[in-house]
N, C-alpha and C. Protein backbone atom coordinates (compact mmCIF):
# COMPACT_ATOMS: atom_id res chain seq x y z
N UNK A 1 0.81 -0.94 -0.13
CA UNK A 1 -0.04 -0.33 0.09
C UNK A 1 1.08 1.36 -0.13
N UNK A 2 0.74 2.36 -1.18
CA UNK A 2 1.31 3.13 -1.14
C UNK A 2 0.60 4.42 0.13
N UNK A 3 1.55 5.26 0.23
CA UNK A 3 0.62 6.28 1.29
C UNK A 3 1.51 7.49 0.89
N UNK A 4 0.35 8.72 0.44
CA UNK A 4 0.95 10.03 0.38
C UNK A 4 1.17 10.82 1.33
N UNK A 5 2.02 11.44 1.59
CA UNK A 5 2.52 12.52 2.43
C UNK A 5 1.84 13.89 2.15
N UNK A 6 0.34 14.26 2.33
CA UNK A 6 -0.25 15.07 1.80
C UNK A 6 0.35 16.66 2.34
N UNK A 7 0.95 16.43 3.58
CA UNK A 7 1.15 17.49 4.17
C UNK A 7 2.02 18.25 3.41
N UNK A 8 3.43 17.67 2.98
CA UNK A 8 4.43 18.06 2.32
C UNK A 8 3.91 18.08 0.74
N UNK A 9 3.07 17.60 0.23
CA UNK A 9 2.10 17.93 -0.97
C UNK A 9 1.72 19.26 -1.29
N UNK A 10 0.91 19.30 -0.20
CA UNK A 10 0.07 20.36 0.15
C UNK A 10 0.92 21.98 0.03
N UNK A 11 2.18 21.74 0.71
CA UNK A 11 3.00 22.66 0.85
C UNK A 11 3.79 22.87 -0.41
N UNK A 12 3.90 22.05 -1.00
CA UNK A 12 4.32 22.22 -2.69
C UNK A 12 3.64 22.61 -3.62
N UNK A 13 2.18 22.23 -3.63
CA UNK A 13 1.40 22.94 -4.57
C UNK A 13 0.87 24.43 -4.30
N UNK A 14 0.86 24.52 -2.85
CA UNK A 14 0.71 26.06 -2.31
C UNK A 14 1.58 26.96 -2.83
N UNK A 15 2.81 26.39 -2.84
CA UNK A 15 4.02 27.34 -3.33
C UNK A 15 3.74 27.30 -4.85
N UNK A 16 3.65 26.86 -5.77
CA UNK A 16 3.48 26.75 -7.11
C UNK A 16 2.26 27.49 -7.37
N UNK A 17 1.09 27.56 -7.14
CA UNK A 17 0.13 27.98 -7.52
C UNK A 17 -0.13 29.53 -6.73
N UNK A 18 0.36 29.33 -5.30
CA UNK A 18 0.62 31.13 -4.71
C UNK A 18 1.66 31.10 -4.55
N UNK A 19 2.62 31.57 -4.97
CA UNK A 19 4.12 31.83 -4.60
C UNK A 19 4.13 32.63 -3.36
N UNK A 20 5.15 32.46 -2.57
CA UNK A 20 5.47 32.57 -1.30
C UNK A 20 5.35 34.39 -1.09
N UNK A 21 4.75 34.65 -0.02
CA UNK A 21 4.62 35.88 0.33
C UNK A 21 4.89 36.04 1.79
N UNK A 22 4.94 36.92 2.48
CA UNK A 22 4.96 37.17 3.63
C UNK A 22 3.91 37.17 4.65
N UNK A 23 2.72 36.86 3.94
CA UNK A 23 1.75 37.07 4.72
C UNK A 23 0.96 35.28 4.97
N UNK A 24 0.13 35.16 6.07
CA UNK A 24 -0.25 34.25 6.36
C UNK A 24 -1.81 34.21 5.99
N UNK A 25 -2.62 35.37 6.11
CA UNK A 25 -3.96 35.62 5.59
C UNK A 25 -3.93 36.78 5.14
N UNK A 26 -5.57 36.86 4.38
CA UNK A 26 -5.54 38.31 3.59
C UNK A 26 -5.76 39.18 4.47
N UNK A 27 -5.08 40.52 4.39
CA UNK A 27 -4.95 41.66 5.27
C UNK A 27 -6.23 42.55 4.85
N UNK A 28 -7.44 42.81 5.90
CA UNK A 28 -8.21 44.06 5.74
C UNK A 28 -7.68 45.25 5.25
N UNK A 29 -8.04 46.14 4.71
CA UNK A 29 -7.69 47.37 4.48
C UNK A 29 -8.80 48.40 4.28
N UNK A 30 -8.62 49.50 4.51
CA UNK A 30 -9.73 50.49 4.61
C UNK A 30 -9.28 51.33 3.28
N UNK A 31 -10.29 52.07 2.55
CA UNK A 31 -9.71 52.66 1.52
C UNK A 31 -10.63 53.93 1.60
N UNK A 32 -9.77 55.52 1.67
CA UNK A 32 -10.88 56.67 2.02
C UNK A 32 -10.73 57.42 1.19
N UNK A 33 -12.19 58.02 0.72
CA UNK A 33 -12.56 58.74 -0.44
C UNK A 33 -12.85 59.92 0.39
N UNK A 34 -11.93 60.95 0.35
CA UNK A 34 -12.43 62.66 1.08
C UNK A 34 -12.64 63.39 0.24
N UNK A 35 -13.72 63.67 0.55
CA UNK A 35 -14.51 65.01 0.32
C UNK A 35 -14.14 66.20 0.44
N UNK A 36 -13.97 67.16 -0.21
CA UNK A 36 -13.92 68.65 0.64
C UNK A 36 -15.67 69.01 0.72
N UNK A 37 -15.66 70.27 0.82
CA UNK A 37 -17.00 70.90 0.86
C UNK A 37 -17.43 71.25 -0.26
N UNK A 38 -16.65 71.37 -1.68
CA UNK A 38 -16.80 71.54 -2.76
C UNK A 38 -17.58 70.35 -3.68
N UNK A 39 -17.31 69.24 -2.83
CA UNK A 39 -17.90 67.92 -3.61
C UNK A 39 -16.50 67.18 -4.66
N UNK A 40 -15.48 67.72 -4.04
CA UNK A 40 -13.98 67.26 -4.69
C UNK A 40 -13.29 65.97 -4.07
N UNK A 41 -12.87 65.31 -4.94
CA UNK A 41 -12.46 63.90 -4.28
C UNK A 41 -10.96 64.19 -4.04
N UNK A 42 -10.11 63.76 -2.96
CA UNK A 42 -8.76 63.96 -2.85
C UNK A 42 -7.93 62.59 -3.53
N UNK A 43 -7.04 62.96 -4.13
CA UNK A 43 -6.45 61.51 -4.80
C UNK A 43 -4.87 61.94 -4.62
N UNK A 44 -4.21 61.12 -4.34
CA UNK A 44 -3.08 61.10 -4.39
C UNK A 44 -2.03 59.89 -5.00
N UNK A 45 -0.82 60.64 -5.43
CA UNK A 45 0.24 59.94 -6.02
C UNK A 45 1.58 59.50 -4.84
N UNK A 46 1.63 57.78 -5.24
CA UNK A 46 2.17 56.77 -4.07
C UNK A 46 3.18 56.22 -4.51
N UNK A 47 4.71 55.91 -4.44
CA UNK A 47 5.00 54.89 -4.81
C UNK A 47 4.72 53.64 -4.84
N UNK A 48 3.71 53.62 -3.76
CA UNK A 48 3.50 52.00 -3.95
C UNK A 48 2.61 51.86 -5.02
N UNK A 49 1.80 52.59 -5.88
CA UNK A 49 1.13 52.39 -6.94
C UNK A 49 1.65 53.10 -7.91
N UNK A 50 2.70 52.93 -8.86
CA UNK A 50 3.67 53.40 -9.70
C UNK A 50 2.44 54.16 -10.63
N UNK A 51 2.73 55.37 -11.15
CA UNK A 51 1.95 55.93 -12.31
C UNK A 51 0.44 56.27 -12.21
N UNK A 52 0.12 55.95 -10.67
CA UNK A 52 -1.33 55.79 -10.61
C UNK A 52 -1.90 56.60 -9.51
N UNK A 53 -3.44 57.21 -9.53
CA UNK A 53 -3.46 58.22 -8.43
C UNK A 53 -4.40 56.82 -7.54
N UNK A 54 -4.35 57.26 -6.57
CA UNK A 54 -4.95 56.46 -5.56
C UNK A 54 -5.71 57.52 -4.62
N UNK A 55 -6.43 56.58 -3.80
CA UNK A 55 -6.96 57.16 -2.46
C UNK A 55 -5.98 56.96 -1.06
N UNK A 56 -6.06 57.49 0.02
CA UNK A 56 -5.41 57.18 1.04
C UNK A 56 -5.93 55.91 1.90
N UNK A 57 -5.52 55.09 2.59
CA UNK A 57 -5.96 53.82 3.29
C UNK A 57 -4.84 53.15 3.42
N UNK A 58 -5.30 52.28 4.30
CA UNK A 58 -4.29 51.02 4.66
C UNK A 58 -4.96 50.08 5.47
N UNK A 59 -4.02 49.43 6.21
CA UNK A 59 -4.49 48.23 7.10
C UNK A 59 -5.13 48.42 8.44
N UNK A 60 -5.81 47.91 8.51
CA UNK A 60 -7.02 47.83 9.88
C UNK A 60 -5.93 46.94 10.74
N UNK A 61 -5.80 47.35 12.24
CA UNK A 61 -5.28 46.89 13.38
C UNK A 61 -5.78 46.27 14.09
N UNK A 62 -5.26 45.43 15.00
CA UNK A 62 -5.89 44.52 16.10
C UNK A 62 -6.70 45.53 16.99
N UNK A 63 -7.90 45.20 17.30
CA UNK A 63 -8.76 45.58 18.24
C UNK A 63 -9.57 47.11 17.35
N UNK A 64 -9.36 47.41 16.22
CA UNK A 64 -10.13 48.67 15.69
C UNK A 64 -10.93 48.08 14.45
N UNK A 65 -12.00 48.93 14.43
CA UNK A 65 -13.13 48.67 14.08
C UNK A 65 -12.56 49.14 12.22
N UNK A 66 -13.57 49.02 11.16
CA UNK A 66 -13.03 49.48 9.83
C UNK A 66 -13.30 50.87 9.88
N UNK A 67 -14.15 51.36 10.64
CA UNK A 67 -14.74 52.81 10.67
C UNK A 67 -13.04 53.50 11.43
N UNK A 68 -12.53 52.98 12.45
CA UNK A 68 -11.34 53.65 12.96
C UNK A 68 -10.44 53.84 12.30
N UNK A 69 -10.24 52.61 11.64
CA UNK A 69 -9.13 52.37 10.98
C UNK A 69 -9.28 53.36 9.88
N UNK A 70 -10.25 53.86 9.04
CA UNK A 70 -10.10 54.88 8.20
C UNK A 70 -9.97 56.02 8.55
N UNK A 71 -10.72 56.30 9.93
CA UNK A 71 -10.03 58.09 10.53
C UNK A 71 -8.39 58.07 10.70
N UNK A 72 -8.09 57.11 11.12
CA UNK A 72 -6.64 56.73 11.62
C UNK A 72 -6.01 56.95 10.10
N UNK A 73 -5.75 56.25 9.33
CA UNK A 73 -5.37 55.87 8.15
C UNK A 73 -5.57 57.55 7.08
N UNK A 74 -6.53 58.36 7.29
CA UNK A 74 -6.49 59.66 7.13
C UNK A 74 -5.81 60.34 7.73
N UNK A 75 -5.58 60.07 8.93
CA UNK A 75 -5.09 61.43 9.71
C UNK A 75 -3.25 60.97 9.21
N UNK A 76 -3.08 60.04 9.54
CA UNK A 76 -1.92 59.46 9.15
C UNK A 76 -1.30 60.11 8.03
N UNK A 77 -2.13 59.55 6.80
CA UNK A 77 -1.49 59.86 5.41
C UNK A 77 -1.82 61.64 4.85
N UNK A 78 -2.93 61.92 5.34
CA UNK A 78 -2.97 63.52 5.18
C UNK A 78 -3.21 64.63 5.90
N UNK A 79 -3.13 64.13 7.20
CA UNK A 79 -3.30 65.03 8.27
C UNK A 79 -4.68 65.75 8.61
N UNK A 80 -5.74 65.15 7.59
CA UNK A 80 -7.00 65.41 7.67
C UNK A 80 -7.73 64.86 8.58
N UNK A 81 -8.46 65.34 9.49
CA UNK A 81 -9.88 65.18 10.18
C UNK A 81 -10.96 64.94 9.63
N UNK A 82 -11.50 63.44 9.16
CA UNK A 82 -12.85 62.82 8.51
C UNK A 82 -13.67 62.61 9.27
N UNK A 83 -14.93 62.71 8.63
CA UNK A 83 -16.45 63.21 9.50
C UNK A 83 -17.50 62.10 8.62
N UNK A 84 -18.57 61.90 8.98
CA UNK A 84 -19.47 61.05 8.09
C UNK A 84 -19.14 60.22 7.39
N UNK A 85 -18.44 58.96 7.40
CA UNK A 85 -18.30 58.13 7.27
C UNK A 85 -19.27 57.16 6.59
N UNK A 86 -19.35 56.97 4.93
CA UNK A 86 -20.34 56.21 4.39
C UNK A 86 -19.67 54.74 3.41
N UNK A 87 -19.94 53.73 4.06
CA UNK A 87 -19.83 52.69 3.07
C UNK A 87 -20.10 53.16 1.66
N UNK A 88 -18.77 52.67 0.77
CA UNK A 88 -19.19 52.28 -0.82
C UNK A 88 -18.88 50.88 -0.88
N UNK A 89 -18.24 50.27 -1.01
CA UNK A 89 -18.00 48.47 -1.03
C UNK A 89 -16.87 48.38 -0.79
N UNK A 90 -16.65 46.71 -0.76
CA UNK A 90 -15.31 46.27 -0.85
C UNK A 90 -15.06 45.08 -2.07
N UNK A 91 -13.69 45.32 -1.70
CA UNK A 91 -12.87 44.30 -3.39
C UNK A 91 -11.89 43.44 -2.52
N UNK A 92 -12.00 42.61 -3.48
CA UNK A 92 -10.58 41.84 -3.38
C UNK A 92 -9.34 41.68 -3.85
N UNK A 93 -8.39 41.89 -3.61
CA UNK A 93 -7.18 42.41 -4.44
C UNK A 93 -6.01 41.02 -3.73
N UNK A 94 -6.02 40.00 -4.99
CA UNK A 94 -5.24 39.10 -4.70
C UNK A 94 -4.15 39.12 -5.96
N UNK A 95 -2.47 39.54 -5.13
CA UNK A 95 -1.38 39.51 -5.63
C UNK A 95 -1.20 39.91 -6.94
N UNK A 96 -2.21 41.03 -7.04
CA UNK A 96 -2.43 41.97 -8.13
C UNK A 96 -0.60 42.97 -8.61
N UNK A 97 -0.22 42.93 -9.35
CA UNK A 97 1.19 43.40 -9.63
C UNK A 97 0.96 44.93 -9.55
N UNK A 98 0.02 45.52 -9.61
CA UNK A 98 -0.03 47.03 -9.69
C UNK A 98 0.55 47.60 -8.59
N UNK A 99 0.50 46.67 -7.64
CA UNK A 99 0.94 47.51 -5.95
C UNK A 99 2.33 46.85 -5.80
N UNK A 100 3.53 47.88 -5.49
CA UNK A 100 4.61 47.59 -5.11
C UNK A 100 5.05 46.15 -4.52
N UNK A 101 4.23 45.58 -3.89
CA UNK A 101 4.43 44.09 -3.14
C UNK A 101 3.49 43.06 -3.46
N UNK A 102 4.13 42.08 -3.29
CA UNK A 102 2.97 41.25 -3.42
C UNK A 102 2.14 40.80 -1.88
N UNK A 103 0.76 41.32 -2.23
CA UNK A 103 0.08 41.28 -1.21
C UNK A 103 -1.32 40.65 -1.43
N UNK A 104 -2.25 40.24 -0.63
CA UNK A 104 -3.22 39.61 -0.62
C UNK A 104 -4.28 40.80 0.42
N UNK A 105 -5.05 41.80 -0.39
CA UNK A 105 -6.02 42.60 0.72
C UNK A 105 -7.27 42.64 0.19
N UNK A 106 -8.05 42.82 1.25
CA UNK A 106 -9.60 42.86 1.07
C UNK A 106 -10.03 44.26 1.52
N UNK A 107 -10.02 45.32 0.56
CA UNK A 107 -10.40 46.48 0.72
C UNK A 107 -11.87 46.70 0.96
N UNK A 108 -11.92 47.78 1.99
CA UNK A 108 -13.12 48.28 2.42
C UNK A 108 -13.40 49.65 2.19
N UNK A 109 -14.07 50.17 1.17
CA UNK A 109 -13.90 51.33 0.82
C UNK A 109 -15.17 52.55 1.38
N UNK A 110 -14.57 53.40 2.08
CA UNK A 110 -15.67 54.82 2.86
C UNK A 110 -15.54 55.64 1.89
N UNK A 111 -16.63 56.58 1.75
CA UNK A 111 -16.79 58.01 1.35
C UNK A 111 -16.57 59.05 2.68
N UNK A 112 -16.08 59.72 2.56
CA UNK A 112 -16.07 60.69 4.24
C UNK A 112 -16.22 61.89 3.36
N UNK A 113 -16.30 62.94 4.49
CA UNK A 113 -16.14 64.54 4.45
C UNK A 113 -14.91 65.04 5.09
N UNK A 114 -14.55 66.12 4.98
CA UNK A 114 -13.45 66.75 5.25
C UNK A 114 -13.72 68.32 5.46
N UNK A 115 -13.50 69.01 6.19
CA UNK A 115 -13.63 70.68 6.74
C UNK A 115 -12.58 71.72 5.65
N UNK A 116 -11.26 70.90 6.34
CA UNK A 116 -10.12 71.48 6.33
C UNK A 116 -9.50 70.99 4.74
N UNK A 117 -9.08 72.08 4.22
CA UNK A 117 -8.20 71.62 2.71
C UNK A 117 -6.75 71.86 3.35
N UNK A 118 -6.13 71.64 4.41
CA UNK A 118 -4.84 71.66 4.62
C UNK A 118 -4.34 70.25 4.63
N UNK A 119 -4.22 69.77 3.60
CA UNK A 119 -3.37 68.38 3.50
C UNK A 119 -1.99 68.31 3.66
N UNK A 120 -1.58 67.36 4.67
CA UNK A 120 0.05 67.23 5.15
C UNK A 120 0.19 65.69 4.76
N UNK A 121 0.95 65.53 3.65
CA UNK A 121 1.50 64.36 3.20
C UNK A 121 2.27 63.44 4.05
N UNK A 122 2.28 62.73 4.13
CA UNK A 122 3.27 61.53 5.15
C UNK A 122 4.09 61.00 3.88
N UNK A 123 5.11 60.18 4.14
CA UNK A 123 6.20 59.72 3.49
C UNK A 123 5.60 58.60 2.32
N UNK A 124 4.39 58.52 2.73
CA UNK A 124 3.86 57.31 1.58
C UNK A 124 3.18 57.86 0.37
N UNK A 125 2.92 59.11 0.16
CA UNK A 125 2.64 60.00 -1.38
C UNK A 125 3.50 60.94 -1.38
N UNK A 126 3.92 61.44 -2.46
CA UNK A 126 4.48 62.21 -3.14
C UNK A 126 3.89 63.73 -3.79
N UNK A 127 2.16 63.25 -4.04
CA UNK A 127 1.56 64.79 -4.29
C UNK A 127 0.22 64.47 -4.32
N UNK A 128 -0.45 65.30 -4.50
CA UNK A 128 -2.11 65.23 -4.30
C UNK A 128 -2.78 65.99 -5.07
N UNK A 129 -4.04 65.78 -5.44
CA UNK A 129 -5.01 66.89 -6.22
C UNK A 129 -6.38 66.85 -5.65
N UNK A 130 -7.19 67.82 -5.52
CA UNK A 130 -8.69 67.76 -5.72
C UNK A 130 -9.19 67.77 -6.68
N UNK A 131 -10.27 66.84 -7.18
CA UNK A 131 -10.88 66.74 -8.36
C UNK A 131 -12.31 66.34 -8.67
N UNK A 132 -13.00 66.97 -9.08
CA UNK A 132 -14.50 66.01 -9.04
C UNK A 132 -14.51 64.67 -9.38
N UNK A 133 -14.95 64.03 -8.61
CA UNK A 133 -15.43 62.29 -8.91
C UNK A 133 -15.39 61.91 -10.31
N UNK A 134 -16.28 62.72 -11.28
CA UNK A 134 -16.42 62.26 -12.64
C UNK A 134 -15.45 62.43 -13.62
N UNK A 135 -14.74 63.85 -13.19
CA UNK A 135 -13.42 64.15 -13.76
C UNK A 135 -12.47 63.17 -13.41
N UNK A 136 -12.35 62.65 -12.05
CA UNK A 136 -11.13 61.52 -11.99
C UNK A 136 -11.30 60.36 -12.80
N UNK A 137 -12.04 60.08 -13.10
CA UNK A 137 -12.33 59.04 -14.20
C UNK A 137 -11.39 58.97 -15.29
N UNK A 138 -11.10 60.40 -15.88
CA UNK A 138 -10.44 60.74 -17.04
C UNK A 138 -8.98 60.61 -16.48
N UNK A 139 -8.62 60.62 -15.12
CA UNK A 139 -7.06 60.26 -14.72
C UNK A 139 -6.70 58.74 -14.76
N UNK A 140 -5.54 58.82 -14.78
CA UNK A 140 -4.60 57.33 -14.42
C UNK A 140 -4.82 56.81 -13.44
N UNK A 141 -5.92 56.15 -13.02
CA UNK A 141 -6.66 55.87 -11.32
C UNK A 141 -6.13 54.17 -11.45
N UNK A 142 -5.78 53.44 -10.26
CA UNK A 142 -5.56 52.28 -10.29
C UNK A 142 -7.06 51.65 -10.38
N UNK A 143 -7.33 50.25 -10.65
CA UNK A 143 -8.46 49.87 -11.06
C UNK A 143 -9.32 49.79 -9.95
N UNK A 144 -8.68 49.24 -8.92
CA UNK A 144 -9.76 49.45 -7.82
C UNK A 144 -10.31 50.98 -6.93
N UNK A 145 -9.58 51.65 -7.41
CA UNK A 145 -9.87 53.57 -7.12
C UNK A 145 -11.07 54.01 -8.01
N UNK A 146 -10.68 53.29 -8.95
CA UNK A 146 -11.82 53.48 -10.26
C UNK A 146 -12.91 52.98 -10.09
N UNK A 147 -12.77 51.75 -9.35
CA UNK A 147 -14.33 50.97 -9.57
C UNK A 147 -15.31 51.78 -8.30
N UNK A 148 -14.35 51.64 -7.00
CA UNK A 148 -15.35 52.44 -6.10
C UNK A 148 -15.63 53.72 -6.76
N UNK A 149 -14.48 54.69 -7.22
CA UNK A 149 -15.66 55.86 -7.85
C UNK A 149 -16.52 55.40 -8.74
N UNK A 150 -16.75 54.62 -9.33
CA UNK A 150 -17.92 54.68 -10.49
C UNK A 150 -19.24 54.03 -9.16
N UNK A 151 -18.42 53.05 -8.16
CA UNK A 151 -19.59 52.81 -7.15
C UNK A 151 -20.50 53.86 -6.85
N UNK A 152 -19.30 55.17 -6.03
CA UNK A 152 -20.02 56.07 -5.24
C UNK A 152 -20.81 56.83 -6.05
N UNK A 153 -20.20 57.06 -7.24
CA UNK A 153 -21.45 57.89 -8.26
C UNK A 153 -22.50 57.03 -8.42
N UNK A 154 -22.42 55.71 -8.88
CA UNK A 154 -24.00 54.86 -9.00
C UNK A 154 -24.92 54.74 -7.69
N UNK A 155 -24.51 55.18 -6.73
CA UNK A 155 -25.14 54.99 -5.45
C UNK A 155 -25.70 56.39 -4.93
N UNK A 156 -25.36 57.39 -6.03
CA UNK A 156 -25.87 58.84 -6.21
C UNK A 156 -24.91 59.80 -5.57
N UNK A 157 -23.54 59.59 -5.23
CA UNK A 157 -22.70 60.64 -4.48
C UNK A 157 -22.43 61.41 -5.21
């Protein structure tokens, strides 16, 4: 009788199908679609998404709600205090080469408001602009940002 070592086979197969990454599980993240009083959306240019405009956002820390993560990430990346968060959608990101690292994310995107236009970027972004959401669709956006802007507009935003 031949016995298979399924444990080592599973390891080999997962390495072939899903190349090694530093992650053990998908990482929940928030995307923060910040709108100023004129209804314009804040877009960033970041080395993490070469050649594309994106929105602020990042991982959810242990013990943090999605909304708390969105508020924290917006403050860290832009210096802005956001309010009136509204869920837009979620998206799956699985080893997309558009990002600078091989990662598996689950994006939870929120629209929110801000009173101040005093953007103070941290080291994750190099530049920013405020643009009407419909006009943003004509820019070089990453696929995920584009999808969420369209969904935001579809919902009446």
